[in-house]
N, C-alpha and C. Protein backbone atom coordinates (compact mmCIF):
# COMPACT_ATOMS: atom_id res chain seq x y z
N UNK A 1 6.40 16.56 20.98
CA UNK A 1 6.19 15.26 20.43
C UNK A 1 7.28 14.31 21.04
N UNK A 2 6.88 13.20 21.43
CA UNK A 2 7.71 12.20 22.01
C UNK A 2 8.61 11.53 20.86
N UNK A 3 9.77 11.18 21.26
CA UNK A 3 10.61 10.44 20.31
C UNK A 3 10.11 8.97 20.23
N UNK A 4 9.92 8.48 19.05
CA UNK A 4 9.43 7.12 18.92
C UNK A 4 10.52 6.10 19.22
N UNK A 5 11.70 6.35 18.65
CA UNK A 5 12.80 5.36 18.82
C UNK A 5 13.99 6.09 19.32
N UNK A 6 14.42 5.72 20.53
CA UNK A 6 15.58 6.39 21.07
C UNK A 6 16.94 5.71 20.57
N UNK A 7 16.82 4.52 20.10
CA UNK A 7 18.01 3.81 19.58
C UNK A 7 18.04 3.79 18.04
N UNK A 8 17.26 4.75 17.40
CA UNK A 8 17.26 4.95 15.94
C UNK A 8 16.92 3.55 15.23
N UNK A 9 15.90 2.94 15.71
CA UNK A 9 15.47 1.65 15.17
C UNK A 9 14.33 1.71 14.14
N UNK A 10 14.47 2.81 13.31
CA UNK A 10 13.49 2.95 12.22
C UNK A 10 13.85 2.00 11.13
N UNK A 11 12.75 1.49 10.51
CA UNK A 11 12.97 0.56 9.39
C UNK A 11 13.54 1.22 8.22
N UNK A 12 14.52 0.56 7.53
CA UNK A 12 15.19 1.11 6.41
C UNK A 12 14.24 1.21 5.18
N UNK A 13 14.55 2.02 4.27
CA UNK A 13 13.86 2.07 3.06
C UNK A 13 13.81 0.80 2.25
N UNK A 14 14.93 0.08 2.27
CA UNK A 14 15.02 -1.13 1.57
C UNK A 14 14.08 -2.22 2.18
N UNK A 15 14.02 -2.29 3.50
CA UNK A 15 13.17 -3.19 4.15
C UNK A 15 11.69 -2.88 3.81
N UNK A 16 11.38 -1.59 3.86
CA UNK A 16 10.08 -1.17 3.60
C UNK A 16 9.59 -1.44 2.12
N UNK A 17 10.56 -1.32 1.24
CA UNK A 17 10.26 -1.51 -0.19
C UNK A 17 10.00 -3.01 -0.37
N UNK A 18 10.82 -3.88 0.24
CA UNK A 18 10.68 -5.37 0.05
C UNK A 18 9.31 -5.75 0.59
N UNK A 19 8.96 -5.28 1.80
CA UNK A 19 7.70 -5.61 2.37
C UNK A 19 6.57 -5.14 1.49
N UNK A 20 6.68 -3.98 0.89
CA UNK A 20 5.58 -3.43 0.03
C UNK A 20 5.45 -4.33 -1.23
N UNK A 21 6.61 -4.79 -1.76
CA UNK A 21 6.55 -5.65 -2.92
C UNK A 21 5.94 -6.99 -2.62
N UNK A 22 6.18 -7.52 -1.44
CA UNK A 22 5.52 -8.76 -0.97
C UNK A 22 4.02 -8.54 -0.93
N UNK A 23 3.56 -7.47 -0.32
CA UNK A 23 2.18 -7.15 -0.25
C UNK A 23 1.52 -7.04 -1.66
N UNK A 24 2.22 -6.30 -2.54
CA UNK A 24 1.73 -6.10 -3.91
C UNK A 24 1.66 -7.43 -4.66
N UNK A 25 2.60 -8.27 -4.48
CA UNK A 25 2.56 -9.59 -5.14
C UNK A 25 1.29 -10.40 -4.67
N UNK A 26 1.11 -10.42 -3.35
CA UNK A 26 -0.09 -11.10 -2.85
C UNK A 26 -1.41 -10.45 -3.30
N UNK A 27 -1.47 -9.14 -3.31
CA UNK A 27 -2.68 -8.46 -3.77
C UNK A 27 -2.91 -8.73 -5.23
N UNK A 28 -1.92 -8.68 -6.02
CA UNK A 28 -2.02 -8.86 -7.43
C UNK A 28 -2.43 -10.34 -7.81
N UNK A 29 -1.99 -11.23 -6.99
CA UNK A 29 -2.39 -12.61 -7.15
C UNK A 29 -3.88 -12.77 -6.89
N UNK A 30 -4.34 -12.07 -5.81
CA UNK A 30 -5.71 -12.10 -5.51
C UNK A 30 -6.57 -11.42 -6.58
N UNK A 31 -6.12 -10.29 -7.08
CA UNK A 31 -6.85 -9.55 -8.11
C UNK A 31 -6.88 -10.26 -9.44
N UNK A 32 -5.78 -11.04 -9.68
CA UNK A 32 -5.75 -11.91 -10.91
C UNK A 32 -6.87 -12.92 -10.91
N UNK A 33 -7.05 -13.51 -9.72
CA UNK A 33 -8.15 -14.55 -9.58
C UNK A 33 -9.50 -13.91 -9.79
N UNK A 34 -9.74 -12.66 -9.25
CA UNK A 34 -10.99 -11.95 -9.48
C UNK A 34 -11.12 -11.65 -10.94
N UNK A 35 -10.07 -11.14 -11.58
CA UNK A 35 -10.15 -10.72 -12.97
C UNK A 35 -10.60 -11.95 -13.82
N UNK A 36 -9.95 -13.09 -13.67
CA UNK A 36 -10.20 -14.30 -14.42
C UNK A 36 -11.66 -14.78 -14.11
N UNK A 37 -12.11 -14.58 -12.85
CA UNK A 37 -13.45 -15.03 -12.50
C UNK A 37 -14.50 -14.14 -13.20
N UNK A 38 -14.31 -12.83 -13.24
CA UNK A 38 -15.28 -11.96 -13.73
C UNK A 38 -15.26 -11.92 -15.29
N UNK A 39 -14.01 -11.86 -15.87
CA UNK A 39 -13.94 -11.60 -17.29
C UNK A 39 -13.39 -12.76 -18.05
N UNK A 40 -12.98 -13.84 -17.40
CA UNK A 40 -12.47 -14.97 -18.01
C UNK A 40 -11.01 -14.80 -18.51
N UNK A 41 -10.44 -15.88 -18.89
CA UNK A 41 -9.07 -15.83 -19.40
C UNK A 41 -9.05 -15.14 -20.77
N UNK A 42 -8.06 -14.28 -21.04
CA UNK A 42 -8.00 -13.67 -22.35
C UNK A 42 -7.81 -14.70 -23.45
N UNK A 43 -7.36 -15.89 -23.06
CA UNK A 43 -7.15 -16.95 -24.12
C UNK A 43 -8.53 -17.57 -24.53
N UNK A 44 -9.52 -17.31 -23.67
CA UNK A 44 -10.85 -17.87 -24.03
C UNK A 44 -11.75 -16.86 -24.70
N UNK A 45 -11.32 -15.65 -24.88
CA UNK A 45 -12.18 -14.60 -25.40
C UNK A 45 -12.46 -14.95 -26.90
N UNK A 46 -13.62 -14.69 -27.40
CA UNK A 46 -14.02 -14.88 -28.72
C UNK A 46 -13.64 -13.54 -29.47
N UNK A 47 -12.46 -13.45 -30.03
CA UNK A 47 -11.95 -12.25 -30.65
C UNK A 47 -12.84 -11.69 -31.76
N UNK A 48 -13.47 -12.57 -32.46
CA UNK A 48 -14.35 -12.09 -33.59
C UNK A 48 -15.59 -11.40 -33.15
N UNK A 49 -16.07 -11.73 -31.95
CA UNK A 49 -17.34 -11.16 -31.49
C UNK A 49 -17.15 -10.25 -30.21
N UNK A 50 -15.87 -9.95 -29.92
CA UNK A 50 -15.64 -9.10 -28.79
C UNK A 50 -15.63 -7.67 -29.15
N UNK A 51 -16.32 -6.84 -28.39
CA UNK A 51 -16.42 -5.39 -28.64
C UNK A 51 -15.23 -4.72 -28.04
N UNK A 52 -14.31 -4.22 -28.91
CA UNK A 52 -13.07 -3.62 -28.42
C UNK A 52 -13.21 -2.09 -28.42
N UNK A 53 -14.49 -1.58 -28.44
CA UNK A 53 -14.69 -0.12 -28.50
C UNK A 53 -14.19 0.50 -27.26
N UNK A 54 -13.76 1.75 -27.26
CA UNK A 54 -13.15 2.44 -26.08
C UNK A 54 -14.07 2.49 -24.92
N UNK A 55 -15.39 2.66 -25.15
CA UNK A 55 -16.29 2.68 -24.05
C UNK A 55 -16.38 1.30 -23.33
N UNK A 56 -16.47 0.29 -24.11
CA UNK A 56 -16.64 -1.06 -23.64
C UNK A 56 -15.41 -1.49 -22.74
N UNK A 57 -14.20 -1.43 -23.30
CA UNK A 57 -13.05 -1.88 -22.54
C UNK A 57 -12.67 -0.82 -21.53
N UNK A 58 -12.78 0.50 -21.94
CA UNK A 58 -12.30 1.52 -20.99
C UNK A 58 -13.12 1.56 -19.76
N UNK A 59 -14.39 1.53 -19.80
CA UNK A 59 -15.20 1.50 -18.59
C UNK A 59 -14.97 0.24 -17.73
N UNK A 60 -14.84 -0.87 -18.42
CA UNK A 60 -14.66 -2.16 -17.78
C UNK A 60 -13.44 -2.15 -16.92
N UNK A 61 -12.33 -1.69 -17.50
CA UNK A 61 -11.02 -1.68 -16.74
C UNK A 61 -10.89 -0.50 -15.86
N UNK A 62 -11.60 0.60 -16.12
CA UNK A 62 -11.56 1.71 -15.17
C UNK A 62 -12.31 1.29 -13.86
N UNK A 63 -13.44 0.62 -14.03
CA UNK A 63 -14.11 0.09 -12.90
C UNK A 63 -13.30 -0.92 -12.11
N UNK A 64 -12.65 -1.78 -12.80
CA UNK A 64 -11.70 -2.72 -12.17
C UNK A 64 -10.62 -2.08 -11.36
N UNK A 65 -10.05 -1.01 -11.98
CA UNK A 65 -8.99 -0.28 -11.26
C UNK A 65 -9.42 0.44 -10.04
N UNK A 66 -10.61 0.99 -10.12
CA UNK A 66 -11.20 1.67 -8.91
C UNK A 66 -11.39 0.69 -7.79
N UNK A 67 -11.91 -0.51 -8.11
CA UNK A 67 -12.22 -1.52 -7.16
C UNK A 67 -10.88 -2.03 -6.56
N UNK A 68 -9.85 -2.25 -7.45
CA UNK A 68 -8.59 -2.71 -6.98
C UNK A 68 -7.90 -1.63 -6.03
N UNK A 69 -7.91 -0.37 -6.37
CA UNK A 69 -7.38 0.65 -5.53
C UNK A 69 -8.10 0.69 -4.17
N UNK A 70 -9.41 0.66 -4.17
CA UNK A 70 -10.17 0.72 -2.94
C UNK A 70 -9.84 -0.48 -2.03
N UNK A 71 -9.80 -1.64 -2.56
CA UNK A 71 -9.44 -2.87 -1.80
C UNK A 71 -8.00 -2.76 -1.31
N UNK A 72 -7.08 -2.28 -2.14
CA UNK A 72 -5.67 -2.16 -1.70
C UNK A 72 -5.52 -1.19 -0.49
N UNK A 73 -6.11 -0.01 -0.59
CA UNK A 73 -6.11 0.94 0.47
C UNK A 73 -6.73 0.45 1.76
N UNK A 74 -7.85 -0.28 1.58
CA UNK A 74 -8.51 -0.85 2.73
C UNK A 74 -7.70 -1.90 3.40
N UNK A 75 -7.06 -2.74 2.58
CA UNK A 75 -6.19 -3.80 3.15
C UNK A 75 -5.01 -3.24 3.94
N UNK A 76 -4.34 -2.23 3.42
CA UNK A 76 -3.24 -1.67 4.08
C UNK A 76 -3.64 -0.96 5.33
N UNK A 77 -4.74 -0.14 5.23
CA UNK A 77 -5.26 0.55 6.41
C UNK A 77 -5.76 -0.38 7.54
N UNK A 78 -6.47 -1.44 7.14
CA UNK A 78 -6.99 -2.38 8.12
C UNK A 78 -5.82 -3.09 8.81
N UNK A 79 -4.88 -3.57 8.07
CA UNK A 79 -3.78 -4.37 8.65
C UNK A 79 -2.87 -3.50 9.52
N UNK A 80 -2.64 -2.29 9.10
CA UNK A 80 -1.72 -1.36 9.85
C UNK A 80 -2.38 -0.85 11.13
N UNK A 81 -3.74 -0.86 11.18
CA UNK A 81 -4.47 -0.42 12.34
C UNK A 81 -4.89 -1.65 13.25
N UNK A 82 -4.56 -2.88 12.81
CA UNK A 82 -4.96 -4.05 13.55
C UNK A 82 -3.92 -4.30 14.77
N UNK A 83 -4.19 -5.31 15.42
CA UNK A 83 -3.26 -5.70 16.52
C UNK A 83 -1.86 -6.02 16.08
N UNK A 84 -1.75 -6.40 14.78
CA UNK A 84 -0.40 -6.65 14.24
C UNK A 84 0.33 -5.48 13.88
N UNK A 85 -0.31 -4.34 13.61
CA UNK A 85 0.29 -3.07 13.25
C UNK A 85 1.13 -3.18 11.94
N UNK A 86 0.88 -4.17 11.13
CA UNK A 86 1.62 -4.43 9.98
C UNK A 86 0.84 -5.25 8.98
N UNK A 87 1.18 -5.06 7.69
CA UNK A 87 0.64 -5.91 6.62
C UNK A 87 1.46 -7.30 6.65
N UNK A 88 1.01 -8.18 5.81
CA UNK A 88 1.70 -9.44 5.73
C UNK A 88 3.14 -9.30 5.35
N UNK A 89 3.41 -8.40 4.36
CA UNK A 89 4.80 -8.12 3.99
C UNK A 89 5.65 -7.51 5.13
N UNK A 90 5.08 -6.60 5.83
CA UNK A 90 5.74 -5.97 6.99
C UNK A 90 6.02 -7.02 8.08
N UNK A 91 4.98 -7.87 8.35
CA UNK A 91 5.23 -8.92 9.34
C UNK A 91 6.32 -9.87 8.95
N UNK A 92 6.35 -10.18 7.73
CA UNK A 92 7.46 -11.10 7.22
C UNK A 92 8.83 -10.51 7.39
N UNK A 93 8.92 -9.16 7.32
CA UNK A 93 10.21 -8.52 7.50
C UNK A 93 10.47 -7.92 8.88
N UNK A 94 9.53 -8.10 9.77
CA UNK A 94 9.73 -7.77 11.18
C UNK A 94 9.65 -6.26 11.39
N UNK A 95 8.73 -5.53 10.67
CA UNK A 95 8.56 -4.12 10.90
C UNK A 95 7.07 -3.81 11.12
N UNK A 96 6.80 -2.69 11.76
CA UNK A 96 5.44 -2.33 12.01
C UNK A 96 5.28 -0.84 12.00
N UNK A 97 4.02 -0.34 11.88
CA UNK A 97 3.68 1.03 11.85
C UNK A 97 3.17 1.52 13.21
N UNK A 98 3.68 2.65 13.69
CA UNK A 98 3.31 3.19 14.96
C UNK A 98 3.06 4.63 14.93
N UNK A 99 2.47 5.21 15.95
CA UNK A 99 2.29 6.65 16.01
C UNK A 99 3.50 7.33 16.67
N UNK A 100 3.43 8.57 16.98
CA UNK A 100 4.53 9.34 17.55
C UNK A 100 4.90 8.83 18.95
N UNK A 101 4.01 8.15 19.61
CA UNK A 101 4.27 7.55 20.95
C UNK A 101 4.66 6.11 20.94
N UNK A 102 4.79 5.58 19.71
CA UNK A 102 5.12 4.21 19.63
C UNK A 102 3.96 3.20 19.73
N UNK A 103 2.75 3.73 19.70
CA UNK A 103 1.52 3.01 19.91
C UNK A 103 0.93 2.63 18.58
N UNK A 104 -0.05 1.72 18.59
CA UNK A 104 -0.74 1.32 17.37
C UNK A 104 -1.56 2.57 16.87
N UNK A 105 -1.80 2.63 15.59
CA UNK A 105 -2.49 3.73 14.99
C UNK A 105 -3.92 3.32 14.84
N UNK A 106 -4.89 4.23 14.96
CA UNK A 106 -6.31 3.96 14.76
C UNK A 106 -6.58 3.83 13.21
N UNK A 107 -7.70 3.30 12.83
CA UNK A 107 -8.04 3.12 11.48
C UNK A 107 -8.07 4.41 10.62
N UNK A 108 -8.69 5.53 11.16
CA UNK A 108 -8.73 6.72 10.38
C UNK A 108 -7.30 7.24 10.06
N UNK A 109 -6.37 7.15 10.97
CA UNK A 109 -4.97 7.53 10.73
C UNK A 109 -4.29 6.65 9.74
N UNK A 110 -4.61 5.38 9.82
CA UNK A 110 -4.04 4.39 8.85
C UNK A 110 -4.61 4.62 7.44
N UNK A 111 -5.88 5.00 7.33
CA UNK A 111 -6.57 5.32 6.11
C UNK A 111 -5.88 6.60 5.53
N UNK A 112 -5.73 7.62 6.31
CA UNK A 112 -5.05 8.86 5.92
C UNK A 112 -3.67 8.51 5.36
N UNK A 113 -2.89 7.69 6.07
CA UNK A 113 -1.53 7.33 5.70
C UNK A 113 -1.54 6.71 4.31
N UNK A 114 -2.50 5.76 4.11
CA UNK A 114 -2.50 5.08 2.91
C UNK A 114 -3.06 5.80 1.70
N UNK A 115 -4.03 6.66 1.95
CA UNK A 115 -4.44 7.59 0.83
C UNK A 115 -3.37 8.57 0.53
N UNK A 116 -2.58 8.94 1.45
CA UNK A 116 -1.51 9.91 1.22
C UNK A 116 -0.36 9.27 0.40
N UNK A 117 -0.30 7.98 0.32
CA UNK A 117 0.65 7.30 -0.49
C UNK A 117 0.51 7.73 -2.03
N UNK A 118 -0.68 7.96 -2.38
CA UNK A 118 -0.93 8.49 -3.77
C UNK A 118 -0.25 9.86 -4.04
N UNK A 119 -0.30 10.66 -2.97
CA UNK A 119 0.44 11.98 -3.08
C UNK A 119 1.93 11.74 -3.07
N UNK A 120 2.40 10.82 -2.27
CA UNK A 120 3.84 10.44 -2.27
C UNK A 120 4.36 10.02 -3.65
N UNK A 121 3.47 9.38 -4.39
CA UNK A 121 3.87 8.89 -5.66
C UNK A 121 3.63 9.85 -6.79
N UNK A 122 2.95 10.91 -6.53
CA UNK A 122 2.46 11.78 -7.57
C UNK A 122 3.55 12.37 -8.43
N UNK A 123 4.55 12.89 -7.90
CA UNK A 123 5.65 13.55 -8.68
C UNK A 123 6.89 12.75 -8.54
N UNK A 124 7.07 11.84 -9.45
CA UNK A 124 8.32 11.00 -9.50
C UNK A 124 8.63 10.31 -8.27
N UNK A 125 7.63 9.92 -7.41
CA UNK A 125 7.86 9.19 -6.17
C UNK A 125 8.71 9.89 -5.16
N UNK A 126 8.70 11.24 -5.27
CA UNK A 126 9.52 12.06 -4.33
C UNK A 126 9.18 11.79 -2.88
N UNK A 127 7.88 11.63 -2.61
CA UNK A 127 7.38 11.39 -1.28
C UNK A 127 7.98 10.10 -0.72
N UNK A 128 8.22 9.10 -1.57
CA UNK A 128 8.89 7.87 -1.08
C UNK A 128 10.38 8.06 -0.94
N UNK A 129 10.94 8.77 -1.92
CA UNK A 129 12.37 8.98 -1.83
C UNK A 129 12.83 9.78 -0.58
N UNK A 130 11.92 10.52 0.04
CA UNK A 130 12.21 11.20 1.24
C UNK A 130 12.69 10.24 2.32
N UNK A 131 12.29 8.94 2.28
CA UNK A 131 12.60 7.96 3.27
C UNK A 131 14.15 7.80 3.38
N UNK A 132 14.72 7.88 2.25
CA UNK A 132 16.19 7.71 2.14
C UNK A 132 16.95 8.78 2.92
N UNK A 133 16.47 10.05 2.83
CA UNK A 133 17.17 11.15 3.33
C UNK A 133 16.71 11.60 4.76
N UNK A 134 15.61 11.10 5.18
CA UNK A 134 15.05 11.55 6.47
C UNK A 134 15.68 10.78 7.64
N UNK A 135 15.97 11.46 8.70
CA UNK A 135 16.63 10.87 9.91
C UNK A 135 15.78 9.76 10.51
N UNK A 136 14.45 10.02 10.48
CA UNK A 136 13.47 9.06 11.11
C UNK A 136 12.79 8.21 10.03
N UNK A 137 13.41 8.16 8.83
CA UNK A 137 12.93 7.29 7.75
C UNK A 137 11.45 7.49 7.41
N UNK A 138 10.97 8.72 7.48
CA UNK A 138 9.58 9.01 7.12
C UNK A 138 9.44 9.43 5.72
N UNK A 139 8.47 8.87 5.00
CA UNK A 139 8.07 9.33 3.74
C UNK A 139 7.04 10.38 3.93
N UNK A 140 6.63 11.10 2.76
CA UNK A 140 5.66 12.14 2.85
C UNK A 140 4.31 11.67 3.49
N UNK A 141 3.93 10.44 3.15
CA UNK A 141 2.66 9.89 3.74
C UNK A 141 2.81 9.70 5.19
N UNK A 142 4.00 9.32 5.71
CA UNK A 142 4.23 9.16 7.14
C UNK A 142 4.15 10.55 7.77
N UNK A 143 4.73 11.51 7.23
CA UNK A 143 4.74 12.90 7.82
C UNK A 143 3.34 13.45 7.84
N UNK A 144 2.50 13.22 6.85
CA UNK A 144 1.13 13.66 6.82
C UNK A 144 0.34 13.03 7.91
N UNK A 145 0.52 11.77 8.14
CA UNK A 145 -0.25 11.02 9.12
C UNK A 145 0.46 10.96 10.49
N UNK A 146 1.67 11.47 10.55
CA UNK A 146 2.44 11.49 11.81
C UNK A 146 2.66 10.06 12.29
N UNK A 147 3.15 9.21 11.40
CA UNK A 147 3.43 7.79 11.71
C UNK A 147 4.91 7.46 11.45
N UNK A 148 5.33 6.33 11.98
CA UNK A 148 6.69 5.92 11.78
C UNK A 148 6.65 4.39 11.54
N UNK A 149 7.61 3.89 10.82
CA UNK A 149 7.72 2.44 10.54
C UNK A 149 9.03 2.02 11.27
N UNK A 150 8.87 1.10 12.23
CA UNK A 150 9.99 0.74 13.05
C UNK A 150 10.20 -0.78 13.02
N UNK A 151 11.41 -1.23 13.32
CA UNK A 151 11.70 -2.61 13.50
C UNK A 151 11.10 -3.17 14.75
N UNK A 152 10.58 -4.31 14.80
CA UNK A 152 9.90 -4.93 15.90
C UNK A 152 10.95 -5.41 16.91
């Protein structure tokens, strides 16, 4: 395997975290607009006639969460496999995702990387904490997809 960065120019965990928070802020703003469009503002709900049964609310929000997760994974995978090699948050912080040869990653690899983030978060976010201790700043999801996040 070729070395991606000979001058150890891997993006720090702090930079990656801030970029991720920027992306989550933008995505949640988008999802809030969708939520209010589909279900209206909670301040406008008719509490006396609203069905608060577990099936009614549970299925409604379960469906919303599935849609939100799918759009989030698609956004990250699409942007990281695009010509920018980065999401909006990563672009703002000057970092990008590359393969082992320093090249752009294809969509299937970006999709694998982003689905693997759920595995990274599964047990107390250990997969993300690996970034702190790894020499090449790879999290579990980066190791699974054989990707690296580097400074531009």
